Protein backbone atom coordinates (compact mmCIF):
# COMPACT_ATOMS: atom_id res chain seq x y z
CA MET A 1 -25.66 -17.52 17.43
CA THR A 2 -24.85 -14.11 17.99
CA LYS A 3 -21.89 -14.53 19.91
CA LEU A 4 -20.44 -16.71 17.42
CA PHE A 5 -21.01 -14.37 14.18
CA LEU A 6 -18.12 -12.10 13.68
CA GLY A 7 -15.87 -13.63 16.55
CA GLY A 8 -15.10 -11.22 19.38
CA SER A 9 -15.94 -8.11 17.47
CA PRO A 10 -18.37 -5.45 19.06
CA GLN A 11 -21.77 -5.90 19.06
CA TRP A 12 -22.59 -2.62 17.41
CA PHE A 13 -20.51 -4.10 14.68
CA LYS A 14 -21.58 -7.48 14.76
CA LEU A 15 -25.27 -5.39 14.47
CA THR A 16 -24.34 -3.33 11.92
CA ILE A 17 -23.07 -6.01 9.79
CA LEU A 18 -26.54 -7.86 9.87
CA ALA A 19 -28.55 -4.48 8.81
CA PHE A 20 -26.83 -4.20 5.47
CA LEU A 21 -27.31 -7.95 5.18
CA ILE A 22 -30.45 -7.25 5.21
CA ILE A 23 -31.40 -3.91 4.28
CA ASN A 24 -29.48 -4.84 1.03
CA PRO A 25 -31.71 -7.20 -0.51
CA ILE A 26 -34.80 -4.54 0.26
CA VAL A 27 -33.28 -1.96 -1.75
CA PHE A 28 -32.38 -3.89 -4.68
CA PHE A 29 -36.70 -4.62 -5.08
CA ALA A 30 -37.34 -1.37 -4.34
CA LEU A 31 -34.96 1.02 -5.87
CA GLY A 32 -32.90 -1.54 -8.38
CA PRO A 33 -28.95 -2.32 -8.61
CA ILE A 34 -27.52 0.56 -9.67
CA VAL A 35 -28.17 2.38 -5.83
CA THR A 36 -28.05 -1.27 -4.04
CA ALA A 37 -24.46 -1.16 -6.10
CA TRP A 38 -23.56 1.85 -4.65
CA LEU A 39 -25.01 1.36 -0.86
CA MET A 40 -22.63 -1.73 -1.00
CA ILE A 41 -19.58 0.35 -2.22
CA GLY A 42 -20.34 2.41 1.38
CA GLN A 43 -20.49 -0.55 3.12
CA PHE A 44 -17.52 -2.10 1.82
CA ILE A 45 -15.87 0.97 2.79
CA PHE A 46 -16.88 1.01 6.26
CA CYS A 47 -15.98 -2.77 6.94
CA LEU A 48 -12.49 -1.26 6.08
CA ALA A 49 -13.02 1.17 8.16
CA MET A 50 -13.51 -0.84 10.99
CA ALA A 51 -10.06 -3.14 9.90
CA LEU A 52 -8.83 -2.78 13.48
CA THR A 53 -11.96 -3.98 14.86
CA CYS A 54 -12.91 -7.09 12.72
CA TYR A 55 -10.21 -8.03 9.97
CA PRO A 56 -12.48 -7.02 6.44
CA LEU A 57 -12.15 -10.61 5.36
CA GLN A 58 -15.46 -11.56 6.78
CA SER A 59 -17.71 -8.76 6.63
CA GLY A 60 -16.74 -7.26 2.80
CA GLY A 61 -16.90 -11.03 2.51
CA LEU A 62 -20.25 -11.52 2.95
CA LEU A 63 -21.17 -8.22 1.28
CA ALA A 64 -19.10 -10.23 -1.94
CA ILE A 65 -21.19 -12.95 -1.46
CA GLU A 66 -24.66 -10.90 -1.08
CA ALA A 67 -23.80 -9.18 -4.25
CA LEU A 68 -23.13 -12.40 -6.04
CA LEU A 69 -26.58 -13.72 -4.96
CA LEU A 70 -28.04 -10.73 -5.95
CA GLY A 71 -26.80 -10.92 -9.62
CA LEU A 72 -24.98 -7.49 -8.92
CA THR A 73 -22.09 -9.31 -10.82
CA THR A 74 -21.20 -12.97 -11.07
CA ALA A 75 -18.58 -15.31 -10.19
CA GLU A 76 -17.29 -15.54 -13.34
CA HIS A 77 -16.58 -12.23 -13.76
CA ALA A 78 -15.40 -11.90 -10.61
CA TYR A 79 -12.79 -14.12 -11.66
CA ASN A 80 -11.94 -12.61 -14.53
CA GLU A 81 -10.92 -9.16 -12.40
CA LEU A 82 -8.72 -11.84 -10.62
CA THR A 83 -6.66 -12.95 -13.67
CA ALA A 84 -6.43 -9.34 -14.97
CA ASN A 85 -4.78 -8.52 -11.65
CA LEU A 86 -3.32 -11.82 -11.30
CA GLU A 87 0.37 -10.29 -10.98
CA VAL A 88 -0.47 -8.49 -8.43
CA LEU A 89 -1.90 -11.57 -6.36
CA LEU A 90 0.88 -13.70 -7.47
CA LEU A 91 3.24 -10.77 -6.04
CA LEU A 92 1.34 -10.98 -2.89
CA VAL A 93 1.78 -14.78 -2.15
CA PHE A 94 5.94 -15.08 -3.59
CA MET A 95 7.22 -11.09 -2.99
CA VAL A 96 5.89 -10.67 0.64
CA ALA A 97 7.25 -14.26 1.30
CA GLY A 98 10.82 -13.65 -0.03
CA ILE A 99 11.33 -10.35 1.75
CA TYR A 100 10.91 -12.27 5.26
CA PHE A 101 13.66 -14.30 4.20
CA MET A 102 15.37 -10.92 4.15
CA LYS A 103 14.26 -9.79 7.38
CA PRO A 104 17.68 -9.73 9.44
CA LEU A 105 19.47 -7.75 6.48
CA LEU A 106 16.50 -5.19 6.45
CA MET A 107 16.88 -4.75 10.01
CA TYR A 108 20.80 -5.08 9.72
CA LEU A 109 20.61 -1.98 7.35
CA PHE A 110 17.85 -0.29 8.44
CA SER A 111 18.94 -0.24 12.60
CA ARG A 112 22.62 1.80 11.16
CA ILE A 113 20.10 4.01 9.60
CA PHE A 114 18.25 4.33 12.52
CA VAL A 115 21.39 5.19 15.06
CA LYS A 116 23.63 7.30 12.94
CA VAL A 117 20.85 9.66 11.91
CA LYS A 118 19.65 11.55 14.96
CA SER A 119 17.62 14.25 13.23
CA LYS A 120 13.73 12.96 12.83
CA LEU A 121 13.05 15.21 9.99
CA ILE A 122 16.40 14.01 8.43
CA LEU A 123 15.34 10.60 8.90
CA SER A 124 11.44 11.51 7.77
CA VAL A 125 12.95 12.85 4.03
CA LEU A 126 15.25 9.89 4.04
CA PHE A 127 12.25 7.31 4.44
CA VAL A 128 10.63 9.14 1.64
CA PHE A 129 12.94 9.31 -0.86
CA LEU A 130 14.24 6.37 0.13
CA SER A 131 10.84 4.49 -0.14
CA ALA A 132 10.57 6.07 -3.49
CA VAL A 133 13.60 5.34 -5.42
CA LEU A 134 12.85 1.60 -4.29
CA SER A 135 9.10 1.74 -5.73
CA ALA A 136 10.06 3.86 -8.99
CA PHE A 137 12.55 0.13 -9.67
CA LEU A 138 10.76 -2.26 -7.55
CA ASP A 139 7.13 -2.15 -6.82
CA ALA A 140 5.24 -0.31 -4.46
CA LEU A 141 3.77 -3.83 -2.49
CA THR A 142 7.48 -4.85 -2.10
CA VAL A 143 8.76 -1.51 -0.61
CA MET A 144 5.31 -1.97 2.29
CA ALA A 145 6.93 -5.11 2.59
CA VAL A 146 9.88 -4.21 3.64
CA LEU A 147 8.95 -0.86 5.76
CA ILE A 148 6.01 -3.00 7.62
CA SER A 149 8.70 -5.83 8.07
CA VAL A 150 11.53 -3.18 9.88
CA SER A 151 9.29 -1.35 11.82
CA ALA A 152 7.65 -4.33 13.10
CA GLY A 153 11.14 -5.59 14.18
CA PHE A 154 11.49 -2.23 15.95
CA TYR A 155 8.32 -2.67 17.65
CA ALA A 156 9.68 -6.13 18.76
CA VAL A 157 12.90 -5.13 20.24
CA TYR A 158 10.97 -2.53 22.39
CA HIS A 159 8.34 -4.35 23.70
CA LYS A 160 10.55 -7.48 24.84
CA ILE A 161 12.42 -5.15 26.59
CA HIS A 162 9.43 -3.43 27.77
CA SER A 163 8.03 -7.23 28.67
CA SER A 164 10.81 -8.25 30.88
CA SER A 165 10.60 -8.78 34.38
CA LYS A 166 14.44 -7.52 33.97
CA ASP A 167 15.48 -4.32 33.47
CA TYR A 168 18.14 -3.39 30.36
CA ASP A 169 20.48 -1.26 29.84
CA GLN A 170 24.34 -1.48 29.87
CA SER A 171 24.49 0.76 32.45
CA GLY A 172 21.59 -0.87 34.35
CA THR A 173 19.44 2.35 33.97
CA LEU A 174 16.07 1.41 32.46
CA ASP A 175 13.23 0.27 34.17
CA ARG A 176 9.65 -0.93 32.88
CA LYS A 177 7.78 2.58 34.16
CA GLN A 178 10.44 4.41 31.98
CA LEU A 179 9.20 2.40 28.76
CA SER A 180 5.76 2.65 29.65
CA GLY A 181 3.04 5.32 29.50
CA GLU A 182 3.78 8.72 27.23
CA THR A 183 7.33 6.97 26.39
CA PHE A 184 5.55 4.03 25.12
CA GLN A 185 2.75 6.07 23.37
CA ASN A 186 5.78 8.39 21.76
CA PHE A 187 7.50 5.40 20.24
CA LYS A 188 4.19 3.87 18.49
CA SER A 189 3.74 7.40 17.20
CA PHE A 190 7.39 7.71 16.12
CA LEU A 191 6.58 4.59 13.94
CA ARG A 192 3.37 5.68 12.55
CA SER A 193 4.65 9.03 11.25
CA LEU A 194 7.57 7.36 9.70
CA ILE A 195 5.74 4.76 8.39
CA MET A 196 3.00 6.96 6.61
CA HIS A 197 6.34 8.91 5.60
CA GLY A 198 7.39 5.78 3.45
CA ALA A 199 3.66 4.81 2.22
CA VAL A 200 3.48 8.31 0.61
CA GLY A 201 6.93 7.71 -0.83
CA THR A 202 5.82 4.73 -2.35
CA ALA A 203 3.33 6.56 -4.05
CA LEU A 204 5.61 9.02 -4.91
CA GLY A 205 7.78 6.62 -6.60
CA GLY A 206 4.91 4.28 -7.63
CA ALA A 207 3.84 6.72 -10.62
CA CYS A 208 7.53 7.47 -12.29
CA THR A 209 7.99 3.96 -13.95
CA LEU A 210 6.60 1.22 -15.85
CA VAL A 211 7.11 -1.12 -12.87
CA GLY A 212 6.64 0.92 -10.35
CA GLU A 213 2.54 0.39 -10.03
CA PRO A 214 0.54 -2.55 -11.95
CA GLN A 215 -1.43 -0.23 -13.41
CA ASN A 216 1.42 1.50 -15.24
CA LEU A 217 2.81 -1.83 -17.02
CA LEU A 218 -1.08 -1.86 -18.48
CA ILE A 219 -0.37 2.03 -19.60
CA GLY A 220 2.21 1.49 -21.11
CA GLU A 221 1.59 -1.85 -22.97
CA LYS A 222 -1.08 -0.22 -24.57
CA LEU A 223 1.05 3.72 -25.90
CA GLY A 224 3.97 0.79 -27.01
CA TRP A 225 6.21 2.81 -24.30
CA ASP A 226 9.39 1.37 -22.95
CA PHE A 227 10.50 1.90 -19.70
CA ALA A 228 12.94 5.00 -20.31
CA GLU A 229 10.17 6.48 -22.45
CA PHE A 230 7.58 5.94 -19.75
CA ALA A 231 9.65 7.22 -17.18
CA ILE A 232 10.40 10.23 -19.28
CA ARG A 233 6.96 11.16 -20.45
CA MET A 234 5.85 11.23 -16.62
CA ALA A 235 8.44 13.56 -15.61
CA PRO A 236 6.96 16.49 -16.19
CA ILE A 237 4.47 16.40 -13.26
CA THR A 238 6.41 13.09 -11.05
CA VAL A 239 9.43 15.20 -10.78
CA PRO A 240 7.19 18.38 -9.19
CA VAL A 241 5.28 15.96 -7.33
CA LEU A 242 7.75 14.36 -5.73
CA LEU A 243 9.31 17.36 -4.98
CA GLY A 244 6.12 19.33 -3.72
CA GLY A 245 5.98 15.68 -1.62
CA ILE A 246 9.45 16.01 0.08
CA LEU A 247 8.48 19.80 1.26
CA THR A 248 5.81 18.70 2.68
CA THR A 249 7.37 15.95 4.71
CA VAL A 250 9.61 19.18 5.99
CA VAL A 251 6.61 20.96 6.93
CA LEU A 252 4.94 18.05 8.98
CA GLU A 253 8.08 17.56 10.88
CA LEU A 254 8.86 21.05 11.11
CA THR A 255 5.38 22.04 12.69
CA GLY A 256 4.26 18.61 13.99
CA TRP A 257 0.55 19.06 12.18
CA PHE A 258 -1.84 15.66 11.61
CA GLY A 259 0.21 13.66 13.72
CA PHE A 260 3.60 14.10 12.63
CA GLY A 261 7.10 15.19 14.33
CA THR A 262 7.26 12.96 16.87
CA PRO A 263 10.68 12.23 17.76
CA LEU A 264 12.01 8.97 18.63
CA PRO A 265 12.48 8.74 22.70
CA PRO A 266 15.77 9.01 23.69
CA VAL A 267 14.76 5.80 26.04
CA ALA A 268 13.83 3.76 22.79
CA ARG A 269 17.30 4.90 21.05
CA GLU A 270 19.12 4.12 23.84
CA ILE A 271 17.13 0.60 23.31
CA ILE A 272 18.13 -0.27 19.54
CA GLU A 273 21.63 1.26 20.28
CA GLY A 274 22.04 -1.43 23.12
CA TYR A 275 20.22 -3.98 20.76
CA VAL A 276 22.57 -3.11 17.73
CA LYS A 277 25.33 -3.67 19.98
CA GLU A 278 24.39 -6.40 21.33
CA GLU A 279 23.35 -8.05 17.84
CA ASP A 280 26.75 -7.07 16.28
CA ALA A 281 28.81 -8.55 19.59
CA LYS A 282 26.79 -11.45 19.49
CA ARG A 283 26.55 -12.41 15.51
CA THR A 284 28.59 -15.98 14.31
CA LYS A 285 30.20 -16.79 11.13
CA LYS A 286 27.08 -18.24 9.51
CA GLU A 287 24.77 -15.50 10.08
CA VAL A 288 27.41 -12.84 8.87
CA THR A 289 27.38 -15.31 5.98
CA ASP A 290 23.14 -15.08 6.03
CA LEU A 291 23.27 -12.00 5.48
CA ARG A 292 26.22 -11.80 2.72
CA ILE A 293 23.83 -14.48 0.86
CA GLN A 294 20.49 -12.30 1.56
CA ALA A 295 22.45 -9.27 0.61
CA VAL A 296 23.28 -11.17 -2.77
CA ALA A 297 19.83 -11.80 -3.25
CA ALA A 298 18.42 -8.10 -3.09
CA ALA A 299 20.72 -7.05 -5.81
CA LEU A 300 19.65 -10.38 -7.78
CA LEU A 301 15.94 -9.25 -6.71
CA VAL A 302 16.63 -5.19 -7.84
CA MET A 303 18.17 -6.50 -10.71
CA GLY A 304 15.03 -8.72 -11.59
CA LEU A 305 12.88 -6.19 -11.32
CA ALA A 306 14.42 -3.00 -12.68
CA LEU A 307 15.45 -5.04 -15.64
CA HIS A 308 11.71 -7.26 -15.35
CA LEU A 309 13.25 -9.69 -16.46
CA ALA A 310 9.60 -11.83 -15.28
CA PRO A 311 6.58 -11.48 -13.65
CA VAL A 312 7.07 -9.50 -9.79
CA GLY A 313 5.40 -13.01 -8.26
CA PHE A 314 7.82 -15.40 -10.10
CA ILE A 315 10.33 -12.85 -9.04
CA GLY A 316 9.31 -13.54 -5.64
CA LEU A 317 9.30 -17.03 -5.92
CA GLY A 318 12.81 -17.49 -7.00
CA LEU A 319 14.11 -14.73 -4.72
CA ILE A 320 12.04 -17.55 -1.88
CA VAL A 321 14.23 -20.84 -3.55
CA PHE A 322 17.49 -18.85 -3.60
CA GLN A 323 17.40 -17.86 -0.47
CA THR A 324 16.05 -20.81 1.48
CA ALA A 325 18.50 -23.10 -0.59
CA PHE A 326 21.17 -20.98 0.37
CA LEU A 327 20.37 -20.69 3.96
CA GLY A 328 19.65 -24.10 4.43
CA ILE A 329 16.55 -23.60 5.00
CA THR A 330 14.27 -26.85 4.14
CA GLU A 331 11.97 -27.73 6.58
CA GLU A 332 7.91 -27.17 5.55
CA HIS A 333 6.65 -25.96 8.62
CA ALA A 334 9.80 -23.33 8.27
CA LEU A 335 9.06 -22.47 4.43
CA GLY A 336 5.02 -21.57 6.27
CA LYS A 337 5.71 -18.61 8.32
CA ALA A 338 6.80 -16.68 5.45
CA PHE A 339 3.19 -17.01 4.18
CA GLU A 340 1.79 -16.15 6.76
CA GLU A 341 1.51 -12.68 6.32
CA ALA A 342 0.33 -11.99 2.94
CA LEU A 343 -2.06 -14.77 2.45
CA PRO A 344 -4.84 -13.24 4.85
CA PHE A 345 -4.52 -9.92 2.85
CA THR A 346 -4.45 -11.71 -0.53
CA SER A 347 -7.91 -13.58 0.54
CA LEU A 348 -9.13 -10.20 1.07
CA LEU A 349 -7.56 -8.62 -2.38
CA VAL A 350 -9.67 -11.76 -4.12
CA VAL A 351 -13.02 -10.08 -2.53
CA PHE A 352 -11.93 -6.35 -3.27
CA PHE A 353 -12.00 -7.65 -6.41
CA THR A 354 -16.07 -9.61 -7.00
CA ILE A 355 -17.02 -5.68 -5.93
CA VAL A 356 -14.77 -4.45 -8.10
CA ALA A 357 -16.48 -6.66 -10.87
CA MET A 358 -19.93 -5.68 -9.29
CA ILE A 359 -18.84 -2.13 -10.18
CA HIS A 360 -17.96 -2.87 -13.33
CA ASP A 361 -21.19 -4.76 -14.28
CA GLN A 362 -23.57 -2.20 -12.92
CA HIS A 363 -21.52 0.95 -15.46
CA LEU A 364 -21.39 3.05 -12.20
CA PHE A 365 -18.63 4.62 -13.68
CA ASP A 366 -19.68 4.82 -17.26
CA PRO A 367 -21.32 8.24 -16.37
CA ILE A 368 -18.53 10.18 -15.45
CA ILE A 369 -16.42 8.80 -18.02
CA GLN A 370 -18.74 9.80 -21.12
CA TRP A 371 -18.95 13.06 -18.94
CA ALA A 372 -15.03 13.54 -19.14
CA LEU A 373 -14.68 12.65 -23.18
CA THR A 374 -17.56 15.36 -23.81
CA GLN A 375 -15.37 18.47 -22.63
CA GLU A 376 -12.82 20.00 -24.66
CA LEU A 377 -9.78 18.36 -25.67
CA ARG A 378 -7.31 20.90 -23.72
CA ASP A 379 -9.81 20.36 -20.88
CA GLN A 380 -9.33 16.62 -20.68
CA PRO A 381 -6.51 15.81 -19.67
CA GLN A 382 -7.09 18.21 -16.27
CA PHE A 383 -10.60 16.18 -16.04
CA PHE A 384 -9.55 12.91 -16.12
CA TYR A 385 -6.76 13.68 -13.72
CA MET A 386 -9.25 14.64 -11.25
CA ALA A 387 -11.80 12.16 -12.28
CA ASN A 388 -9.29 9.50 -11.90
CA GLY A 389 -8.14 10.79 -8.46
CA LEU A 390 -11.89 10.77 -7.12
CA LEU A 391 -12.32 7.70 -7.68
CA SER A 392 -9.30 6.01 -6.76
CA ALA A 393 -9.54 7.01 -3.73
CA MET A 394 -12.90 6.31 -3.59
CA SER A 395 -12.51 2.12 -5.07
CA ASP A 396 -9.08 0.85 -6.33
CA ASN A 397 -6.64 2.59 -8.69
CA VAL A 398 -5.69 -0.29 -10.72
CA PHE A 399 -9.19 -1.14 -11.84
CA VAL A 400 -9.77 2.76 -12.64
CA ALA A 401 -6.55 3.11 -14.71
CA THR A 402 -7.72 -0.49 -15.83
CA VAL A 403 -11.72 1.26 -17.15
CA TYR A 404 -10.29 4.63 -18.27
CA ILE A 405 -7.38 2.90 -20.59
CA GLY A 406 -9.42 1.06 -22.07
CA GLU A 407 -12.15 3.33 -23.23
CA VAL A 408 -9.75 6.15 -24.32
CA GLU A 409 -8.12 3.31 -26.01
CA GLN A 410 -11.31 2.61 -28.09
CA SER A 411 -11.94 6.36 -28.42
CA PHE A 412 -8.45 6.52 -30.18
CA LEU A 413 -9.38 3.39 -32.31
CA GLN A 414 -12.51 5.12 -33.15
CA GLY A 415 -11.03 8.68 -34.81
CA ARG A 416 -11.75 10.24 -31.78
CA ILE A 417 -9.14 11.66 -30.79
CA ASP A 418 -5.68 11.29 -32.67
CA ARG A 419 -2.71 10.10 -30.94
CA GLU A 420 -1.28 13.16 -28.91
CA GLN A 421 -4.41 13.14 -27.39
CA PHE A 422 -4.15 9.72 -26.30
CA GLU A 423 -0.92 9.66 -24.80
CA LYS A 424 -1.99 13.34 -22.58
CA LEU A 425 -4.89 11.23 -21.32
CA ALA A 426 -3.05 8.28 -20.31
CA ILE A 427 -0.47 10.46 -18.92
CA ALA A 428 -3.05 11.83 -16.98
CA ILE A 429 -5.11 8.50 -16.66
CA ASN A 430 -1.40 7.49 -14.71
CA THR A 431 -0.44 10.38 -12.59
CA GLY A 432 -4.56 10.46 -11.35
CA THR A 433 -5.20 7.22 -9.95
CA ASN A 434 -1.43 6.88 -8.31
CA LEU A 435 -0.97 10.57 -6.33
CA PRO A 436 -4.82 11.73 -4.94
CA SER A 437 -5.86 8.00 -4.27
CA VAL A 438 -3.73 8.06 -1.14
CA ALA A 439 -6.35 10.25 0.39
CA THR A 440 -7.54 6.28 1.97
CA PRO A 441 -6.00 3.18 2.30
CA ASN A 442 -9.07 1.96 -0.37
CA GLY A 443 -6.88 3.67 -3.69
CA GLN A 444 -3.42 1.97 -3.47
CA ALA A 445 -3.15 -1.73 -2.42
CA ALA A 446 0.43 -0.46 -0.61
CA PHE A 447 -2.07 1.77 1.99
CA LEU A 448 -4.16 -1.22 2.37
CA PHE A 449 -1.88 -3.80 2.93
CA LEU A 450 -0.34 -1.27 5.56
CA LEU A 451 -4.15 -0.79 7.36
CA THR A 452 -5.13 -4.70 7.67
CA SER A 453 -1.01 -5.83 8.29
CA SER A 454 -0.45 -7.05 11.91
CA LEU A 455 2.37 -3.54 12.36
CA ALA A 456 -0.89 -1.59 12.11
CA PRO A 457 -2.68 -2.42 15.69
CA LEU A 458 0.56 -2.42 17.34
CA ILE A 459 1.31 1.38 17.02
CA GLY A 460 -2.48 2.42 16.97
CA LEU A 461 -2.49 2.88 12.75
CA SER A 462 -6.12 2.70 12.32
CA TYR A 463 -8.61 3.83 8.97
CA SER A 464 -9.26 7.40 10.75
CA LYS A 465 -5.13 8.00 11.55
CA MET A 466 -4.54 6.98 7.80
CA VAL A 467 -7.13 9.33 6.15
CA LYS A 468 -6.08 12.08 8.65
CA MET A 469 -2.27 11.84 8.12
CA ALA A 470 -3.08 11.37 4.41
CA ILE A 471 -4.48 14.41 3.81
CA PRO A 472 -1.70 16.82 3.20
CA TYR A 473 -0.23 14.72 1.32
CA THR A 474 -3.90 14.05 -1.06
CA LEU A 475 -3.94 18.57 -1.21
CA VAL A 476 0.02 19.00 -1.96
CA LEU A 477 0.03 16.12 -4.28
CA GLY A 478 -2.90 16.51 -5.80
CA ILE A 479 -2.98 20.11 -6.50
CA VAL A 480 0.55 19.78 -7.70
CA GLY A 481 -0.09 17.05 -10.06
CA TRP A 482 -3.31 18.60 -11.47
CA LEU A 483 -1.18 21.81 -12.02
CA MET A 484 1.89 19.91 -13.91
CA VAL A 485 -1.53 17.96 -16.30
CA ARG A 486 -3.60 21.84 -16.62
CA PHE A 487 -0.26 23.74 -17.77
CA MET A 488 1.84 21.27 -19.26
């Protein structure tokens, strides 16, 4: 039985999870539900940290089931959390699948960026800036799905040549030994740093607009702000933070601190350039037509999301229908491959919402909220910003923002604060949940999606590695954001 439990995970990990499941009921009856709930949050974070050892769905799911059995929350409340975030789930199911059919176009565009831009510094800044702009008008998870697809594509090209039994190069100078060892590690380090820059870019852009993150829409709805007003209200904080983030990228690439700065190995560049030339040479008329169809789909995607014509998931489903119809993909088996990447993470997110429901039912964050509301009016925004940032890094920024904006709205309706203060606190909540939350993969769904993707183990991007690489960005984004909230 022990061999079957959690499959091929290390024995120490299996025993640790079993110990969690045995200890929690003891703590529950000895010390009460609140202590048990905090303990289980720590255990769930541990499961996320061990994502490369065992996918968190199984270990975290067992903890979620135990929380239900102990009565720390109910299935109904977990379902309510899920329905409140249905748009996020639909986005994962359909938008990621829609991006799958756009991979040839993405590879076509990004491969040219790789070939044309020789400087790693410029390429890194470009990734941060483009990710921020796209996230502001699209959605952070959508952009992350794009980055993962592109990076996985380049890894696949390199690995295909690396594992080939024959040499690859137009001049016949590359062999497998050249592609192994330090060169291979540097290539993975290059991809790691690039996708982490892009991930931070999604957080920078996600804080700017109404559609950047799911909680932005909720906050804007409660305040009655449209797309333009929301962006203008946030700009005094988000613009300086964006500049600070880009400056941090420059410093990290020049110094090589925190695992950044690794350039693209010349041999890897040679492979990618050779791949681009080879693909261009053998591209058929049908493939050219397919690229044009995908480009039209991309334009429709940007238009639909920027104008918020429908919920993001519906737009993703429309993207699937449009592309498969005109690309001639009509077999069920061919469609099924597009959903393989997102569904495991979607399942994990449902488990996560059960833990969130436990946090809500046990009122674990209430003392912090009440403490922040007892501060002087002029000091409340900065305390809300700090409390939101800390809790978002531990939990989930969508949940934290939902709880906080709900409490602040009640204070406004009860006359405890005026409209001006309501708006200031809303800005603090939005920026607090979006910026410092880059500290851990728990804080943002896009970061968690990256950690649990098929790409992460290929390039050695573990939980601890993500936390380490996020440290400089967390400090700069968090501090600059706090200063803007404090003084502006």
